[in-house]
């Protein structure tokens, strides 16, 4: 663990300020593009939400009938 000083001289035991500055200074040229997520999980999520809404609507319809 590095014992570093923050910009105002505050004690930063984890060195998080230094790590944050290194991350910011790296900029977009240092980051790699993430590959596009496959459509499978996204379609499954949409189907799951639609089914959940249908079940809630059916239960509400039966409850108020």
C-alpha atoms as a PDB file:
ATOM      1  CA  UNK A   1       0.000   0.000   0.000  1.00  0.00           C
ATOM      2  CA  UNK A   2       1.320   3.385  -0.930  1.00  0.00           C
ATOM      3  CA  UNK A   3       0.959   6.195   1.558  1.00  0.00           C
ATOM      4  CA  UNK A   4       0.298   9.145  -0.691  1.00  0.00           C
ATOM      5  CA  UNK A   5      -0.728  12.716  -0.202  1.00  0.00           C
ATOM      6  CA  UNK A   6      -3.857  14.094  -1.861  1.00  0.00           C
ATOM      7  CA  UNK A   7      -3.942  17.381  -3.778  1.00  0.00           C
ATOM      8  CA  UNK A   8      -4.485  19.419  -0.587  1.00  0.00           C
ATOM      9  CA  UNK A   9      -1.952  17.404   1.391  1.00  0.00           C
ATOM     10  CA  UNK A  10      -4.616  15.189   2.980  1.00  0.00           C
ATOM     11  CA  UNK A  11      -3.497  11.696   3.901  1.00  0.00           C
ATOM     12  CA  UNK A  12      -4.753   9.098   1.417  1.00  0.00           C
ATOM     13  CA  UNK A  13      -3.864   5.656   2.854  1.00  0.00           C
ATOM     14  CA  UNK A  14      -5.226   3.682  -0.101  1.00  0.00           C
ATOM     15  CA  UNK A  15      -3.669   5.921  -2.727  1.00  0.00           C
ATOM     16  CA  UNK A  16      -7.075   6.162  -4.431  1.00  0.00           C
ATOM     17  CA  UNK A  17      -6.429   9.707  -5.636  1.00  0.00           C
ATOM     18  CA  UNK A  18      -3.273   8.590  -7.383  1.00  0.00           C
ATOM     19  CA  UNK A  19      -5.053   5.603  -8.944  1.00  0.00           C
ATOM     20  CA  UNK A  20      -7.950   7.808 -10.076  1.00  0.00           C
ATOM     21  CA  UNK A  21      -5.599  10.312 -11.687  1.00  0.00           C
ATOM     22  CA  UNK A  22      -3.779   7.500 -13.491  1.00  0.00           C
ATOM     23  CA  UNK A  23      -7.134   6.230 -14.776  1.00  0.00           C
ATOM     24  CA  UNK A  24      -8.229   9.696 -15.945  1.00  0.00           C
ATOM     25  CA  UNK A  25      -4.866  10.505 -17.500  1.00  0.00           C
ATOM     26  CA  UNK A  26      -4.974   7.236 -19.439  1.00  0.00           C
ATOM     27  CA  UNK A  27      -7.819   8.610 -21.555  1.00  0.00           C
ATOM     28  CA  UNK A  28      -9.881   6.848 -24.177  1.00  0.00           C
ATOM     29  CA  UNK A  29      -6.881   5.774 -26.275  1.00  0.00           C
ATOM     30  CA  UNK A  30      -5.829   3.350 -23.533  1.00  0.00           C
ATOM     31  CA  UNK A  31      -9.179   1.582 -23.308  1.00  0.00           C
ATOM     32  CA  UNK A  32     -10.170  -1.275 -25.575  1.00  0.00           C
ATOM     33  CA  UNK A  33     -13.592  -1.438 -27.130  1.00  0.00           C
ATOM     34  CA  UNK A  34     -15.877  -3.995 -25.524  1.00  0.00           C
ATOM     35  CA  UNK A  35     -17.337  -6.512 -27.965  1.00  0.00           C
ATOM     36  CA  UNK A  36     -21.064  -6.190 -28.540  1.00  0.00           C
ATOM     37  CA  UNK A  37     -23.132  -8.290 -26.145  1.00  0.00           C
ATOM     38  CA  UNK A  38     -24.893 -11.237 -27.769  1.00  0.00           C
ATOM     39  CA  UNK A  39     -28.603 -10.717 -28.363  1.00  0.00           C
ATOM     40  CA  UNK A  40     -29.551 -13.960 -26.567  1.00  0.00           C
ATOM     41  CA  UNK A  41     -29.518 -12.721 -22.973  1.00  0.00           C
ATOM     42  CA  UNK A  42     -31.201  -9.452 -23.952  1.00  0.00           C
ATOM     43  CA  UNK A  43     -34.065 -11.270 -25.699  1.00  0.00           C
ATOM     44  CA  UNK A  44     -34.443 -13.559 -22.687  1.00  0.00           C
ATOM     45  CA  UNK A  45     -34.693 -10.550 -20.392  1.00  0.00           C
ATOM     46  CA  UNK A  46     -37.374  -8.935 -22.549  1.00  0.00           C
ATOM     47  CA  UNK A  47     -39.393 -12.170 -22.703  1.00  0.00           C
ATOM     48  CA  UNK A  48     -39.073 -12.557 -18.932  1.00  0.00           C
ATOM     49  CA  UNK A  49     -40.308  -9.022 -18.275  1.00  0.00           C
ATOM     50  CA  UNK A  50     -43.254  -9.472 -20.652  1.00  0.00           C
ATOM     51  CA  UNK A  51     -44.204 -12.745 -18.949  1.00  0.00           C
ATOM     52  CA  UNK A  52     -43.921 -11.167 -15.497  1.00  0.00           C
ATOM     53  CA  UNK A  53     -46.198  -8.284 -16.539  1.00  0.00           C
ATOM     54  CA  UNK A  54     -48.690 -10.766 -18.014  1.00  0.00           C
ATOM     55  CA  UNK A  55     -48.757 -12.796 -14.792  1.00  0.00           C
ATOM     56  CA  UNK A  56     -49.237  -9.680 -12.648  1.00  0.00           C
ATOM     57  CA  UNK A  57     -52.025  -8.477 -14.969  1.00  0.00           C
ATOM     58  CA  UNK A  58     -53.746 -11.890 -14.815  1.00  0.00           C
ATOM     59  CA  UNK A  59     -53.550 -11.988 -11.021  1.00  0.00           C
ATOM     60  CA  UNK A  60     -54.883  -8.438 -10.758  1.00  0.00           C
ATOM     61  CA  UNK A  61     -57.720  -9.245 -13.191  1.00  0.00           C
ATOM     62  CA  UNK A  62     -58.694 -12.310 -11.159  1.00  0.00           C
ATOM     63  CA  UNK A  63     -58.461 -10.393  -7.883  1.00  0.00           C
ATOM     64  CA  UNK A  64     -60.757  -7.584  -9.043  1.00  0.00           C
ATOM     65  CA  UNK A  65     -63.227  -9.783 -10.920  1.00  0.00           C
END
